Amino acid sequence: MYNDRTRNSKESIIMETQQELISQQIHLLGNMLGEVLIEQEGQALFDRVEEVRALTKAMRQGDEAAEAALQQVVEALSLDEAYGVVKAFASYFQLVNLAEEQARVRALRNRARANHSDGDPMRETISAAIMDLQRQGVTAGQVQQLLDRLLVMPVITAHPTEAKRRTVMVKLARIAGKLHELDTVALTPDEWTAAIDLIAEEIASLWQTDETRTHQPSVLDEVRNSLYYIEHTLFELAPQLYIEMRRALAEAYPGHDFSLAPFVHIGSWVGGDRDG
């Protein structure tokens, strides 16, 4: 069994490695986006974006002259240039979000491996919660009473600030899938190249796609977007919750036959709040 000091040291090493990996992925995605900018919009827009990025970075590091220089650059932009710069940064941060999400998945997987070798369930999981109840003397009967009242209800809502079109979400999901594949699958050199090429193609396609609608979404638009999350997230995760719950109960209370009624219910406000 690892003691807390060993575990903390191990997690610290993992965190340092995670930072290196996420930096590599962000660098990779940023380079791909830069190539798309040059190929589809020209060197001038790329140079302008890089100038804004460099000045912003300098300003964040305390360079007082950079703020004035940045303001001059931004004020001198034409409408088309401003649109291109804003779109470039919006696309970049979408890609950064994907890399950060993949980093969280990677961190959870590494924590799970570390805890498996330790013999204890990973913290902040269903298994850890059930095991804590058992160690605190909560009986199987008391756990059953909790299960009988258990309710998990994610509520789907069409948030007015979330205006991504479904086609954009699909493209981002494809990129995320390939990033996950690069992380978790032992690819051959040809497979690795194919995955990189597909990411580059999706980034190019994403650049050509309008991110937001030019009109207010209808109720049916909101329904379609909500169904995307239900189909691609909740339908996959809900069965895993039941499987993990049954496994956790069996490990913490061996020999007890728990009754586990459906406890995941999906709520929806879609179409019910149209003032946003």
Protein backbone atom coordinates (compact mmCIF):
# COMPACT_ATOMS: atom_id res chain seq x y z
CA MET A 1 0.00 0.00 0.00
CA TYR A 2 1.27 3.49 -0.83
CA ASN A 3 1.32 6.07 1.92
CA ASP A 4 0.02 9.60 1.31
CA ARG A 5 3.49 11.00 0.68
CA THR A 6 4.23 8.38 -1.96
CA ARG A 7 0.83 8.91 -3.58
CA ASN A 8 1.23 12.70 -3.62
CA SER A 9 4.72 12.37 -5.12
CA LYS A 10 3.42 10.01 -7.78
CA GLU A 11 0.52 12.33 -8.61
CA SER A 12 2.95 15.27 -8.82
CA ILE A 13 5.05 13.43 -11.40
CA ILE A 14 1.90 12.55 -13.34
CA MET A 15 0.80 16.21 -13.31
CA GLU A 16 4.16 17.35 -14.69
CA THR A 17 3.91 14.79 -17.47
CA GLN A 18 0.33 15.87 -18.19
CA GLN A 19 1.43 19.49 -18.60
CA GLU A 20 4.07 18.44 -21.12
CA LEU A 21 1.57 16.37 -23.10
CA ILE A 22 -1.11 19.05 -23.18
CA SER A 23 1.48 21.62 -24.30
CA GLN A 24 2.51 19.29 -27.12
CA GLN A 25 -1.08 18.80 -28.25
CA ILE A 26 -1.88 22.51 -28.12
CA HIS A 27 1.28 23.24 -30.10
CA LEU A 28 0.31 20.60 -32.68
CA LEU A 29 -3.24 21.93 -33.06
CA GLY A 30 -2.05 25.53 -33.17
CA ASN A 31 0.43 24.74 -35.94
CA MET A 32 -2.29 23.00 -37.94
CA LEU A 33 -4.59 26.00 -37.57
CA GLY A 34 -1.75 28.30 -38.62
CA GLU A 35 -1.22 26.26 -41.79
CA VAL A 36 -4.93 26.51 -42.55
CA LEU A 37 -4.83 30.29 -42.12
CA ILE A 38 -1.91 30.62 -44.53
CA GLU A 39 -3.40 28.25 -47.11
CA GLN A 40 -6.94 29.61 -47.06
CA GLU A 41 -6.58 33.26 -46.03
CA GLY A 42 -2.99 34.17 -46.84
CA GLN A 43 0.23 35.02 -45.03
CA ALA A 44 -0.98 38.52 -44.16
CA LEU A 45 -3.78 37.34 -41.87
CA PHE A 46 -1.51 34.78 -40.24
CA ASP A 47 1.10 37.48 -39.55
CA ARG A 48 -1.56 39.77 -38.10
CA VAL A 49 -2.84 37.03 -35.79
CA GLU A 50 0.70 36.25 -34.66
CA GLU A 51 1.34 39.94 -34.00
CA VAL A 52 -1.76 40.21 -31.83
CA ARG A 53 -0.86 36.99 -30.03
CA ALA A 54 2.72 38.13 -29.32
CA LEU A 55 1.60 41.54 -28.04
CA THR A 56 -1.08 39.98 -25.86
CA LYS A 57 1.46 37.58 -24.39
CA ALA A 58 3.89 40.43 -23.71
CA MET A 59 1.13 42.50 -22.10
CA ARG A 60 0.21 39.59 -19.84
CA GLN A 61 3.84 39.38 -18.76
CA GLY A 62 3.83 43.01 -17.65
CA ASP A 63 5.12 44.83 -20.74
CA GLU A 64 3.35 48.20 -20.49
CA ALA A 65 4.35 49.26 -24.01
CA ALA A 66 2.73 46.15 -25.44
CA GLU A 67 -0.75 47.27 -24.38
CA ALA A 68 -0.50 50.53 -26.31
CA ALA A 69 0.97 48.73 -29.32
CA LEU A 70 -1.82 46.15 -29.22
CA GLN A 71 -4.47 48.87 -29.12
CA GLN A 72 -2.92 50.54 -32.17
CA VAL A 73 -2.84 47.26 -34.10
CA VAL A 74 -6.45 46.43 -33.27
CA GLU A 75 -7.74 49.92 -34.10
CA ALA A 76 -5.98 49.78 -37.48
CA LEU A 77 -7.67 46.53 -38.51
CA SER A 78 -10.19 46.66 -41.32
CA LEU A 79 -13.54 44.99 -40.76
CA ASP A 80 -12.48 41.92 -42.75
CA GLU A 81 -9.16 41.72 -40.91
CA ALA A 82 -10.88 42.04 -37.54
CA TYR A 83 -13.30 39.25 -38.48
CA GLY A 84 -10.41 37.00 -39.52
CA VAL A 85 -8.43 37.68 -36.35
CA VAL A 86 -11.43 37.08 -34.09
CA LYS A 87 -12.34 33.88 -35.92
CA ALA A 88 -8.73 32.66 -35.73
CA PHE A 89 -8.59 33.11 -31.97
CA ALA A 90 -12.06 31.62 -31.50
CA SER A 91 -11.00 28.55 -33.49
CA TYR A 92 -7.74 28.33 -31.57
CA PHE A 93 -9.46 28.36 -28.18
CA GLN A 94 -11.93 25.73 -29.33
CA LEU A 95 -8.96 23.50 -30.16
CA VAL A 96 -7.30 24.35 -26.84
CA ASN A 97 -10.49 23.29 -25.06
CA LEU A 98 -10.35 19.93 -26.84
CA ALA A 99 -6.74 19.42 -25.76
CA GLU A 100 -7.61 20.35 -22.17
CA GLU A 101 -10.58 17.96 -22.16
CA GLN A 102 -8.33 15.18 -23.43
CA ALA A 103 -5.82 16.05 -20.71
CA ARG A 104 -8.54 15.61 -18.08
CA VAL A 105 -9.42 12.21 -19.54
CA ARG A 106 -5.73 11.27 -19.55
CA ALA A 107 -5.32 12.39 -15.94
CA LEU A 108 -8.32 10.35 -14.82
CA ARG A 109 -6.98 7.27 -16.58
CA ASN A 110 -3.57 7.71 -14.95
CA ARG A 111 -5.16 8.21 -11.53
CA ALA A 112 -7.21 5.06 -12.05
CA ARG A 113 -4.06 3.07 -12.88
CA ALA A 114 -2.22 4.47 -9.87
CA ASN A 115 -5.09 3.68 -7.51
CA HIS A 116 -5.50 0.20 -8.95
CA SER A 117 -1.91 -0.63 -8.03
CA ASP A 118 -2.55 0.90 -4.59
CA GLY A 119 -5.54 -1.35 -3.99
CA ASP A 120 -7.95 1.47 -3.10
CA PRO A 121 -10.70 2.83 -5.36
CA MET A 122 -9.93 6.10 -7.09
CA ARG A 123 -11.02 9.13 -5.11
CA GLU A 124 -14.17 11.00 -6.14
CA THR A 125 -15.72 7.94 -7.77
CA ILE A 126 -18.79 5.83 -7.03
CA SER A 127 -16.54 3.02 -5.79
CA ALA A 128 -14.77 5.35 -3.35
CA ALA A 129 -18.09 6.73 -2.05
CA ILE A 130 -19.58 3.28 -1.45
CA MET A 131 -16.38 2.04 0.19
CA ASP A 132 -16.37 5.09 2.49
CA LEU A 133 -19.90 4.23 3.59
CA GLN A 134 -18.85 0.66 4.37
CA ARG A 135 -15.79 1.79 6.34
CA GLN A 136 -17.91 4.23 8.36
CA GLY A 137 -20.14 1.39 9.47
CA VAL A 138 -23.13 2.03 7.23
CA THR A 139 -24.99 -1.27 6.89
CA ALA A 140 -26.17 -2.86 3.67
CA GLY A 141 -29.75 -2.18 4.72
CA GLN A 142 -29.03 1.51 5.19
CA VAL A 143 -27.32 1.63 1.80
CA GLN A 144 -30.41 0.05 0.25
CA GLN A 145 -32.54 2.80 1.76
CA LEU A 146 -30.25 5.37 0.15
CA LEU A 147 -30.49 3.58 -3.20
CA ASP A 148 -34.28 3.58 -2.99
CA ARG A 149 -34.23 7.40 -2.79
CA LEU A 150 -31.38 7.97 -5.25
CA LEU A 151 -32.15 10.27 -8.17
CA VAL A 152 -29.74 11.72 -10.73
CA MET A 153 -31.42 14.10 -13.15
CA PRO A 154 -29.31 16.02 -15.67
CA VAL A 155 -31.46 18.75 -17.18
CA ILE A 156 -30.96 19.61 -20.84
CA THR A 157 -31.32 23.32 -21.54
CA ALA A 158 -30.75 25.43 -24.64
CA HIS A 159 -28.47 28.01 -23.04
CA PRO A 160 -28.61 31.34 -24.91
CA THR A 161 -24.81 31.71 -24.81
CA GLU A 162 -24.27 28.25 -26.34
CA ALA A 163 -24.88 28.95 -29.99
CA LYS A 164 -22.69 26.32 -31.66
CA ARG A 165 -24.30 24.72 -34.65
CA ARG A 166 -24.62 20.96 -34.67
CA THR A 167 -22.26 20.68 -37.64
CA VAL A 168 -19.56 22.50 -35.64
CA MET A 169 -20.06 20.17 -32.68
CA VAL A 170 -19.71 17.14 -34.96
CA LYS A 171 -16.42 18.42 -36.39
CA LEU A 172 -15.05 19.17 -32.91
CA ALA A 173 -16.14 15.71 -31.75
CA ARG A 174 -14.22 14.11 -34.63
CA ILE A 175 -11.08 16.02 -33.71
CA ALA A 176 -11.52 15.05 -30.05
CA GLY A 177 -11.95 11.41 -31.06
CA LYS A 178 -8.69 11.42 -32.97
CA LEU A 179 -6.85 13.13 -30.10
CA HIS A 180 -8.14 10.39 -27.82
CA GLU A 181 -7.02 7.76 -30.33
CA LEU A 182 -3.51 9.24 -30.44
CA ASP A 183 -3.41 8.99 -26.64
CA THR A 184 -4.80 5.51 -26.10
CA VAL A 185 -4.16 3.35 -29.15
CA ALA A 186 -0.81 1.86 -30.16
CA LEU A 187 -0.84 3.16 -33.74
CA THR A 188 1.47 2.16 -36.54
CA PRO A 189 3.38 5.04 -38.19
CA ASP A 190 0.92 4.99 -41.10
CA GLU A 191 -2.07 5.02 -38.74
CA TRP A 192 -0.55 7.89 -36.76
CA THR A 193 -0.03 9.88 -39.96
CA ALA A 194 -3.60 9.15 -41.06
CA ALA A 195 -4.95 10.37 -37.72
CA ILE A 196 -2.90 13.58 -37.95
CA ASP A 197 -4.09 14.13 -41.52
CA LEU A 198 -7.72 13.68 -40.49
CA ILE A 199 -7.33 16.22 -37.67
CA ALA A 200 -5.81 18.68 -40.14
CA GLU A 201 -8.69 18.10 -42.57
CA GLU A 202 -11.27 18.66 -39.84
CA ILE A 203 -9.57 21.89 -38.76
CA ALA A 204 -9.62 23.11 -42.36
CA SER A 205 -13.30 22.18 -42.63
CA LEU A 206 -14.01 23.86 -39.30
CA TRP A 207 -12.44 27.08 -40.56
CA GLN A 208 -14.81 27.07 -43.54
CA THR A 209 -17.86 26.50 -41.33
CA ASP A 210 -19.83 29.35 -39.80
CA GLU A 211 -19.67 28.77 -36.06
CA THR A 212 -22.94 30.43 -35.16
CA ARG A 213 -26.30 30.84 -36.83
CA THR A 214 -27.26 34.10 -38.46
CA HIS A 215 -30.80 33.73 -37.10
CA GLN A 216 -32.33 32.88 -33.75
CA PRO A 217 -32.59 29.09 -33.38
CA SER A 218 -36.06 27.64 -33.56
CA VAL A 219 -37.41 25.21 -31.00
CA LEU A 220 -36.60 22.38 -33.44
CA ASP A 221 -33.00 23.66 -33.71
CA GLU A 222 -32.74 23.55 -29.92
CA VAL A 223 -34.17 20.03 -29.89
CA ARG A 224 -31.66 18.83 -32.50
CA ASN A 225 -28.75 20.27 -30.54
CA SER A 226 -30.01 18.71 -27.32
CA LEU A 227 -30.47 15.33 -28.98
CA TYR A 228 -26.82 15.48 -30.02
CA TYR A 229 -25.71 15.52 -26.38
CA ILE A 230 -28.22 12.85 -25.42
CA GLU A 231 -27.15 10.54 -28.25
CA HIS A 232 -23.40 11.09 -27.93
CA THR A 233 -23.04 11.50 -24.15
CA LEU A 234 -25.92 10.45 -21.94
CA PHE A 235 -26.83 7.28 -23.81
CA GLU A 236 -23.20 6.14 -23.47
CA LEU A 237 -22.63 7.21 -19.87
CA ALA A 238 -25.90 6.19 -18.21
CA PRO A 239 -25.33 2.41 -18.56
CA GLN A 240 -21.78 2.87 -17.24
CA LEU A 241 -23.17 4.49 -14.09
CA TYR A 242 -25.31 1.44 -13.36
CA ILE A 243 -22.44 -0.95 -14.08
CA GLU A 244 -20.07 0.99 -11.81
CA MET A 245 -22.69 1.20 -9.07
CA ARG A 246 -23.31 -2.56 -9.08
CA ARG A 247 -19.56 -3.26 -9.10
CA ALA A 248 -18.96 -0.86 -6.22
CA LEU A 249 -21.75 -2.39 -4.14
CA ALA A 250 -20.45 -5.91 -4.77
CA GLU A 251 -16.91 -4.94 -3.74
CA ALA A 252 -17.91 -3.07 -0.57
CA TYR A 253 -20.73 -5.40 0.52
CA PRO A 254 -19.94 -8.87 -0.86
CA GLY A 255 -22.76 -11.36 -0.52
CA HIS A 256 -25.52 -8.74 -0.39
CA ASP A 257 -28.08 -8.59 -3.18
CA PHE A 258 -29.04 -4.95 -3.68
CA SER A 259 -32.12 -3.80 -5.56
CA LEU A 260 -31.09 -1.06 -7.96
CA ALA A 261 -34.03 0.74 -9.53
CA PRO A 262 -33.51 3.18 -12.42
CA PHE A 263 -32.07 6.32 -10.84
CA VAL A 264 -31.01 8.32 -13.92
CA HIS A 265 -33.79 10.47 -15.35
CA ILE A 266 -33.31 13.11 -18.03
CA GLY A 267 -35.07 16.44 -17.67
CA SER A 268 -35.46 19.12 -20.34
CA TRP A 269 -36.14 22.84 -20.49
CA VAL A 270 -35.61 22.95 -24.25
CA GLY A 271 -38.21 25.18 -25.89
CA GLY A 272 -39.57 26.25 -22.52
CA ASP A 273 -37.54 29.44 -22.09
CA ARG A 274 -37.41 31.56 -25.25
CA ASP A 275 -36.61 34.97 -23.78
CA GLY A 276 -32.81 34.44 -24.02
